[in-house]
Every structure is written in C-alpha cells, then in structure tokens.
Amino acid sequence: MKIIIRFCILIAISFLLASCGKVAVSTEQSQNGSSSLEVEQQVAAVVRDQVSGNYGVYDMKGELLDKLNNNPIDVNYEVEFKELNQSEIFSTSAQVELESKYTKLWDTELNAIYNKLLSKLNPKEKELLIQSQKGWLQHHMKESEFVNQVFNLRELGPVFGSQGRVQMHQAINGRIRERTLELMEYYSLLGNDVQFVFIGTKK
C-alpha cells in the first residue's frame, strides 16, 4: 500500500512539474513573440486589474473596490495610451511624457488623501502615519535610484534597452498609485467617503 501511495505522489509531482514547465515556456514564447507595442498594450489593458481588493490584511469590498478599480486616472490613462499607440507621433519620448503626466496626477492624489487621512487622526496616530509615509517615501526614492543606476546608467550601456525609460516611469507610477489606493482604503475604513481630486476627461 505504501508503495502505491508513493507511486501516486510521484506521478502527481511529475504532472505538476510538467505543468510548470509548460507555463514557463508559453510565457517565454509570448514575451519573445510579441512586439513591443503589443506588450505595452497588454500592460495598459491590465492596469485597472491591479487593485487586488486587499492591502496588507485589510479587505476592500463593494463600492470602494468598484470605485478604485474604475478610478478616473486609470480610465483616462487607458484611453490616452491607446490613442498614443495608434497615432503618428508614437515614440519613446511621447510615452515617457505620457507616463510623467500620470505620475504627477497620482502624486497629487497621494498628497490629497494623505492630508485627508491626517485630519482624521489623533496626535499619536498622526505621528505614526507621518513616520509610515516617510518610510514609504524613502523606499520609493531609493528603489527608483537603484533601478536607474543599475539598469539605466551602467557603463556598459542600459540593460532595459530603448524602452527602459518608459518602464522605469511605469514602475514609479505603479508604486505611487499603490500607496495612494492604500491610504484611500485606510481613509475609508475610518468611515469616510473616498473621492478623487482628478475628474476624468476620457471615457
């Protein structure tokens, strides 16, 4: 009986390893077979799916999750990203400009929700949030500096290639966006209604 059980376990492990191998191969093929434009369009298409509904140990449900998943910044970004990719002025510089624009929008939202959250806290809680935000900002800046130095400013040349600047801006954007949504969740957990400063112009 023990031999049979061991045999079944070995078969199960073999199937799992085979499945993992297939997934890895198909992902590799997809990356190598797709054009840069296709990859970027896929990135834009999943931007709004990044809100997982859980930050740390906190659950977001219902109206708040819908609001964050369909926020005006992401909606606008998707439309502008698609328009740029289909336009005659499409270039790396144009992409960087677009990413920079949305980094500023998310930065504005981050500062707004940070100050709103501060206004709802007692002195001890305020100090904790201030220290938390300082820690996040330090991580954000150091991470950006590390990536830029190691993968963009190397003596042997940039590791990322021509799209490196775009990818770096997207990463910066993503970190600011994630922190903003995190603070929005905290604000909501205290019984407040989350509102975005930015009013979308695209649909």
C-alpha atoms as a PDB file:
ATOM      1  CA  MET A   1       0.000   0.000   0.000  1.00  0.00           C
ATOM      2  CA  LYS A   2       2.830   2.401   0.883  1.00  0.00           C
ATOM      3  CA  ILE A   3       4.473   1.714  -2.472  1.00  0.00           C
ATOM      4  CA  ILE A   4       1.222   2.560  -4.296  1.00  0.00           C
ATOM      5  CA  ILE A   5       0.833   5.813  -2.342  1.00  0.00           C
ATOM      6  CA  ARG A   6       4.431   6.796  -3.094  1.00  0.00           C
ATOM      7  CA  PHE A   7       3.904   5.975  -6.755  1.00  0.00           C
ATOM      8  CA  CYS A   8       0.774   8.185  -6.874  1.00  0.00           C
ATOM      9  CA  ILE A   9       2.634  11.034  -5.198  1.00  0.00           C
ATOM     10  CA  LEU A  10       5.477  10.752  -7.716  1.00  0.00           C
ATOM     11  CA  ILE A  11       3.013  10.851 -10.611  1.00  0.00           C
ATOM     12  CA  ALA A  12       1.290  13.908  -9.120  1.00  0.00           C
ATOM     13  CA  ILE A  13       4.631  15.705  -8.688  1.00  0.00           C
ATOM     14  CA  SER A  14       5.616  14.827 -12.253  1.00  0.00           C
ATOM     15  CA  PHE A  15       2.394  16.329 -13.597  1.00  0.00           C
ATOM     16  CA  LEU A  16       2.911  19.480 -11.528  1.00  0.00           C
ATOM     17  CA  LEU A  17       6.473  19.918 -12.778  1.00  0.00           C
ATOM     18  CA  ALA A  18       5.377  19.330 -16.341  1.00  0.00           C
ATOM     19  CA  SER A  19       2.603  21.903 -15.979  1.00  0.00           C
ATOM     20  CA  CYS A  20       5.015  24.468 -14.536  1.00  0.00           C
ATOM     21  CA  GLY A  21       7.376  23.831 -17.414  1.00  0.00           C
ATOM     22  CA  LYS A  22       4.616  24.398 -19.955  1.00  0.00           C
ATOM     23  CA  VAL A  23       3.573  27.635 -18.339  1.00  0.00           C
ATOM     24  CA  ALA A  24       7.146  28.898 -18.262  1.00  0.00           C
ATOM     25  CA  VAL A  25       7.663  28.009 -21.909  1.00  0.00           C
ATOM     26  CA  SER A  26       4.421  29.616 -23.064  1.00  0.00           C
ATOM     27  CA  THR A  27       5.215  32.800 -21.131  1.00  0.00           C
ATOM     28  CA  GLU A  28       8.686  32.934 -22.645  1.00  0.00           C
ATOM     29  CA  GLN A  29       7.298  32.405 -26.129  1.00  0.00           C
ATOM     30  CA  SER A  30       4.725  35.115 -25.591  1.00  0.00           C
ATOM     31  CA  GLN A  31       7.361  37.595 -24.499  1.00  0.00           C
ATOM     32  CA  ASN A  32       9.712  36.817 -27.343  1.00  0.00           C
ATOM     33  CA  GLY A  33       6.996  36.586 -29.971  1.00  0.00           C
ATOM     34  CA  SER A  34       5.160  39.802 -29.107  1.00  0.00           C
ATOM     35  CA  SER A  35       6.129  43.185 -30.441  1.00  0.00           C
ATOM     36  CA  SER A  36       6.977  45.981 -28.029  1.00  0.00           C
ATOM     37  CA  LEU A  37       3.686  47.678 -28.920  1.00  0.00           C
ATOM     38  CA  GLU A  38       1.661  44.553 -28.141  1.00  0.00           C
ATOM     39  CA  VAL A  39       3.373  44.132 -24.781  1.00  0.00           C
ATOM     40  CA  GLU A  40       2.698  47.745 -23.852  1.00  0.00           C
ATOM     41  CA  GLN A  41      -0.947  47.457 -24.873  1.00  0.00           C
ATOM     42  CA  GLN A  42      -1.249  44.408 -22.644  1.00  0.00           C
ATOM     43  CA  VAL A  43       0.259  46.408 -19.774  1.00  0.00           C
ATOM     44  CA  ALA A  44      -2.287  49.180 -20.278  1.00  0.00           C
ATOM     45  CA  ALA A  45      -5.155  46.710 -20.517  1.00  0.00           C
ATOM     46  CA  VAL A  46      -4.477  45.257 -17.062  1.00  0.00           C
ATOM     47  CA  VAL A  47      -3.786  48.491 -15.198  1.00  0.00           C
ATOM     48  CA  ARG A  48      -7.202  48.543 -13.561  1.00  0.00           C
ATOM     49  CA  ASP A  49      -6.942  44.889 -12.577  1.00  0.00           C
ATOM     50  CA  GLN A  50      -4.062  45.724 -10.233  1.00  0.00           C
ATOM     51  CA  VAL A  51      -6.414  46.550  -7.356  1.00  0.00           C
ATOM     52  CA  SER A  52      -6.499  43.157  -5.712  1.00  0.00           C
ATOM     53  CA  GLY A  53      -9.004  44.073  -3.020  1.00  0.00           C
ATOM     54  CA  ASN A  54      -6.507  43.512  -0.260  1.00  0.00           C
ATOM     55  CA  TYR A  55      -3.754  45.722   1.154  1.00  0.00           C
ATOM     56  CA  GLY A  56      -1.890  44.085   3.973  1.00  0.00           C
ATOM     57  CA  VAL A  57      -4.618  42.280   5.927  1.00  0.00           C
ATOM     58  CA  TYR A  58      -7.449  44.625   5.035  1.00  0.00           C
ATOM     59  CA  ASP A  59     -10.368  43.709   2.791  1.00  0.00           C
ATOM     60  CA  MET A  60     -11.929  46.098   0.330  1.00  0.00           C
ATOM     61  CA  LYS A  61     -15.385  45.186  -0.892  1.00  0.00           C
ATOM     62  CA  GLY A  62     -18.320  46.569  -2.786  1.00  0.00           C
ATOM     63  CA  GLU A  63     -18.489  50.271  -3.552  1.00  0.00           C
ATOM     64  CA  LEU A  64     -14.920  51.141  -2.544  1.00  0.00           C
ATOM     65  CA  LEU A  65     -13.417  48.330  -4.618  1.00  0.00           C
ATOM     66  CA  ASP A  66     -15.537  49.359  -7.620  1.00  0.00           C
ATOM     67  CA  LYS A  67     -14.509  52.986  -7.196  1.00  0.00           C
ATOM     68  CA  LEU A  68     -10.804  52.163  -7.031  1.00  0.00           C
ATOM     69  CA  ASN A  69     -10.975  49.658  -9.889  1.00  0.00           C
ATOM     70  CA  ASN A  70     -12.722  52.214 -12.098  1.00  0.00           C
ATOM     71  CA  ASN A  71     -10.947  55.336 -10.922  1.00  0.00           C
ATOM     72  CA  PRO A  72     -10.798  58.299 -13.341  1.00  0.00           C
ATOM     73  CA  ILE A  73      -6.996  58.328 -13.605  1.00  0.00           C
ATOM     74  CA  ASP A  74      -6.744  54.743 -14.835  1.00  0.00           C
ATOM     75  CA  VAL A  75      -9.695  55.212 -17.200  1.00  0.00           C
ATOM     76  CA  ASN A  76      -8.077  58.314 -18.702  1.00  0.00           C
ATOM     77  CA  TYR A  77      -4.681  56.630 -18.918  1.00  0.00           C
ATOM     78  CA  GLU A  78      -6.026  53.646 -20.837  1.00  0.00           C
ATOM     79  CA  VAL A  79      -7.688  55.883 -23.427  1.00  0.00           C
ATOM     80  CA  GLU A  80      -4.661  58.158 -23.861  1.00  0.00           C
ATOM     81  CA  PHE A  81      -2.286  55.193 -24.001  1.00  0.00           C
ATOM     82  CA  LYS A  82      -4.346  53.607 -26.782  1.00  0.00           C
ATOM     83  CA  GLU A  83      -4.614  56.894 -28.679  1.00  0.00           C
ATOM     84  CA  LEU A  84      -0.858  57.426 -28.477  1.00  0.00           C
ATOM     85  CA  ASN A  85      -0.066  53.898 -29.682  1.00  0.00           C
ATOM     86  CA  GLN A  86      -2.299  54.423 -32.706  1.00  0.00           C
ATOM     87  CA  SER A  87      -1.022  57.902 -33.548  1.00  0.00           C
ATOM     88  CA  GLU A  88       1.702  59.087 -35.906  1.00  0.00           C
ATOM     89  CA  ILE A  89       3.603  60.775 -33.061  1.00  0.00           C
ATOM     90  CA  PHE A  90       4.166  57.489 -31.228  1.00  0.00           C
ATOM     91  CA  SER A  91       7.719  57.419 -29.830  1.00  0.00           C
ATOM     92  CA  THR A  92       9.629  56.595 -26.678  1.00  0.00           C
ATOM     93  CA  SER A  93       9.732  60.294 -25.763  1.00  0.00           C
ATOM     94  CA  ALA A  94       5.965  60.582 -26.209  1.00  0.00           C
ATOM     95  CA  GLN A  95       5.466  57.537 -23.982  1.00  0.00           C
ATOM     96  CA  VAL A  96       7.735  58.983 -21.287  1.00  0.00           C
ATOM     97  CA  GLU A  97       5.792  62.239 -21.446  1.00  0.00           C
ATOM     98  CA  LEU A  98       2.519  60.362 -21.003  1.00  0.00           C
ATOM     99  CA  GLU A  99       3.848  58.378 -18.035  1.00  0.00           C
ATOM    100  CA  SER A 100       5.214  61.575 -16.446  1.00  0.00           C
ATOM    101  CA  LYS A 101       1.821  63.221 -16.795  1.00  0.00           C
ATOM    102  CA  TYR A 102       0.127  60.389 -14.924  1.00  0.00           C
ATOM    103  CA  THR A 103       2.857  60.202 -12.307  1.00  0.00           C
ATOM    104  CA  LYS A 104       2.033  63.826 -11.445  1.00  0.00           C
ATOM    105  CA  LEU A 105      -1.696  63.033 -11.315  1.00  0.00           C
ATOM    106  CA  TRP A 106      -1.127  60.127  -8.919  1.00  0.00           C
ATOM    107  CA  ASP A 107       1.254  62.244  -6.853  1.00  0.00           C
ATOM    108  CA  THR A 108      -1.470  64.890  -6.491  1.00  0.00           C
ATOM    109  CA  GLU A 109      -3.936  62.219  -5.366  1.00  0.00           C
ATOM    110  CA  LEU A 110      -1.397  60.800  -2.906  1.00  0.00           C
ATOM    111  CA  ASN A 111      -0.812  64.172  -1.253  1.00  0.00           C
ATOM    112  CA  ALA A 112      -4.545  64.873  -1.119  1.00  0.00           C
ATOM    113  CA  ILE A 113      -5.517  61.585   0.533  1.00  0.00           C
ATOM    114  CA  TYR A 114      -2.525  61.755   2.885  1.00  0.00           C
ATOM    115  CA  ASN A 115      -3.668  65.140   4.195  1.00  0.00           C
ATOM    116  CA  LYS A 116      -7.297  63.994   4.429  1.00  0.00           C
ATOM    117  CA  LEU A 117      -6.260  60.949   6.428  1.00  0.00           C
ATOM    118  CA  LEU A 118      -4.065  63.038   8.719  1.00  0.00           C
ATOM    119  CA  SER A 119      -7.052  65.277   9.500  1.00  0.00           C
ATOM    120  CA  LYS A 120      -8.981  62.260  10.832  1.00  0.00           C
ATOM    121  CA  LEU A 121      -6.302  61.051  13.247  1.00  0.00           C
ATOM    122  CA  ASN A 122      -5.432  61.928  16.824  1.00  0.00           C
ATOM    123  CA  PRO A 123      -1.917  63.281  17.575  1.00  0.00           C
ATOM    124  CA  LYS A 124      -0.364  59.857  18.261  1.00  0.00           C
ATOM    125  CA  GLU A 125      -1.938  58.354  15.121  1.00  0.00           C
ATOM    126  CA  LYS A 126      -0.793  61.336  13.064  1.00  0.00           C
ATOM    127  CA  GLU A 127       2.794  60.829  14.142  1.00  0.00           C
ATOM    128  CA  LEU A 128       2.617  57.145  13.204  1.00  0.00           C
ATOM    129  CA  LEU A 129       1.238  57.983   9.752  1.00  0.00           C
ATOM    130  CA  ILE A 130       3.908  60.649   9.248  1.00  0.00           C
ATOM    131  CA  GLN A 131       6.635  58.126  10.095  1.00  0.00           C
ATOM    132  CA  SER A 132       4.988  55.493   7.883  1.00  0.00           C
ATOM    133  CA  GLN A 133       4.828  57.903   4.958  1.00  0.00           C
ATOM    134  CA  LYS A 134       8.449  58.945   5.451  1.00  0.00           C
ATOM    135  CA  GLY A 135       9.439  55.274   5.382  1.00  0.00           C
ATOM    136  CA  TRP A 136       7.433  54.650   2.218  1.00  0.00           C
ATOM    137  CA  LEU A 137       8.897  57.739   0.532  1.00  0.00           C
ATOM    138  CA  GLN A 138      12.442  56.699   1.422  1.00  0.00           C
ATOM    139  CA  HIS A 139      11.838  53.225  -0.017  1.00  0.00           C
ATOM    140  CA  HIS A 140      10.259  54.719  -3.144  1.00  0.00           C
ATOM    141  CA  MET A 141      13.182  57.098  -3.757  1.00  0.00           C
ATOM    142  CA  LYS A 142      15.879  54.512  -3.015  1.00  0.00           C
ATOM    143  CA  GLU A 143      14.193  51.941  -5.249  1.00  0.00           C
ATOM    144  CA  SER A 144      13.991  54.433  -8.106  1.00  0.00           C
ATOM    145  CA  GLU A 145      17.624  55.420  -7.608  1.00  0.00           C
ATOM    146  CA  PHE A 146      18.765  51.786  -7.543  1.00  0.00           C
ATOM    147  CA  VAL A 147      16.889  50.810 -10.697  1.00  0.00           C
ATOM    148  CA  ASN A 148      18.057  53.894 -12.568  1.00  0.00           C
ATOM    149  CA  GLN A 149      21.703  53.419 -11.609  1.00  0.00           C
ATOM    150  CA  VAL A 150      21.912  49.659 -12.139  1.00  0.00           C
ATOM    151  CA  PHE A 151      19.749  49.228 -15.210  1.00  0.00           C
ATOM    152  CA  ASN A 152      19.863  52.595 -16.972  1.00  0.00           C
ATOM    153  CA  LEU A 153      23.187  54.281 -16.207  1.00  0.00           C
ATOM    154  CA  ARG A 154      25.544  51.303 -16.422  1.00  0.00           C
ATOM    155  CA  GLU A 155      28.932  51.965 -18.011  1.00  0.00           C
ATOM    156  CA  LEU A 156      28.365  49.092 -20.428  1.00  0.00           C
ATOM    157  CA  GLY A 157      25.072  50.601 -21.530  1.00  0.00           C
ATOM    158  CA  PRO A 158      21.457  50.431 -20.410  1.00  0.00           C
ATOM    159  CA  VAL A 159      20.099  46.976 -19.605  1.00  0.00           C
ATOM    160  CA  PHE A 160      16.500  47.843 -20.416  1.00  0.00           C
ATOM    161  CA  GLY A 161      17.061  48.983 -23.991  1.00  0.00           C
ATOM    162  CA  SER A 162      15.123  51.725 -25.742  1.00  0.00           C
ATOM    163  CA  GLN A 163      12.002  51.152 -23.645  1.00  0.00           C
ATOM    164  CA  GLY A 164      13.892  51.410 -20.360  1.00  0.00           C
ATOM    165  CA  ARG A 165      12.842  54.964 -19.587  1.00  0.00           C
ATOM    166  CA  VAL A 166       9.198  54.094 -20.195  1.00  0.00           C
ATOM    167  CA  GLN A 167       9.384  51.021 -17.969  1.00  0.00           C
ATOM    168  CA  MET A 168      11.066  52.993 -15.190  1.00  0.00           C
ATOM    169  CA  HIS A 169       8.326  55.629 -15.280  1.00  0.00           C
ATOM    170  CA  GLN A 170       5.676  52.909 -15.242  1.00  0.00           C
ATOM    171  CA  ALA A 171       7.284  51.363 -12.155  1.00  0.00           C
ATOM    172  CA  ILE A 172       7.393  54.739 -10.383  1.00  0.00           C
ATOM    173  CA  ASN A 173       3.791  55.318 -11.385  1.00  0.00           C
ATOM    174  CA  GLY A 174       2.787  51.930 -10.034  1.00  0.00           C
ATOM    175  CA  ARG A 175       4.375  52.499  -6.625  1.00  0.00           C
ATOM    176  CA  ILE A 176       2.738  55.908  -6.167  1.00  0.00           C
ATOM    177  CA  ARG A 177      -0.603  54.539  -7.359  1.00  0.00           C
ATOM    178  CA  GLU A 178      -0.439  51.592  -4.960  1.00  0.00           C
ATOM    179  CA  ARG A 179       0.377  53.796  -1.961  1.00  0.00           C
ATOM    180  CA  THR A 180      -2.430  56.193  -2.888  1.00  0.00           C
ATOM    181  CA  LEU A 181      -5.003  53.402  -3.020  1.00  0.00           C
ATOM    182  CA  GLU A 182      -3.666  52.020   0.254  1.00  0.00           C
ATOM    183  CA  LEU A 183      -4.201  55.362   2.017  1.00  0.00           C
ATOM    184  CA  MET A 184      -7.642  55.637   0.412  1.00  0.00           C
ATOM    185  CA  GLU A 185      -8.538  52.305   1.942  1.00  0.00           C
ATOM    186  CA  TYR A 186      -7.391  53.479   5.380  1.00  0.00           C
ATOM    187  CA  TYR A 187      -9.459  56.633   4.966  1.00  0.00           C
ATOM    188  CA  SER A 188     -12.498  54.564   4.031  1.00  0.00           C
ATOM    189  CA  LEU A 189     -12.011  52.162   6.954  1.00  0.00           C
ATOM    190  CA  LEU A 190     -12.406  55.168   9.270  1.00  0.00           C
ATOM    191  CA  GLY A 191     -15.882  55.756   7.830  1.00  0.00           C
ATOM    192  CA  ASN A 192     -15.069  58.375   5.200  1.00  0.00           C
ATOM    193  CA  ASP A 193     -16.123  58.622   1.568  1.00  0.00           C
ATOM    194  CA  VAL A 194     -13.217  58.354  -0.874  1.00  0.00           C
ATOM    195  CA  GLN A 195     -13.234  60.930  -3.677  1.00  0.00           C
ATOM    196  CA  PHE A 196     -10.623  61.547  -6.351  1.00  0.00           C
ATOM    197  CA  VAL A 197      -9.287  65.042  -6.966  1.00  0.00           C
ATOM    198  CA  PHE A 198      -8.897  64.291 -10.675  1.00  0.00           C
ATOM    199  CA  ILE A 199     -12.028  64.464 -12.790  1.00  0.00           C
ATOM    200  CA  GLY A 200     -11.719  62.256 -15.852  1.00  0.00           C
ATOM    201  CA  THR A 201     -11.991  63.754 -19.314  1.00  0.00           C
ATOM    202  CA  LYS A 202     -11.846  60.494 -21.295  1.00  0.00           C
ATOM    203  CA  LYS A 203     -14.300  57.615 -21.493  1.00  0.00           C
END
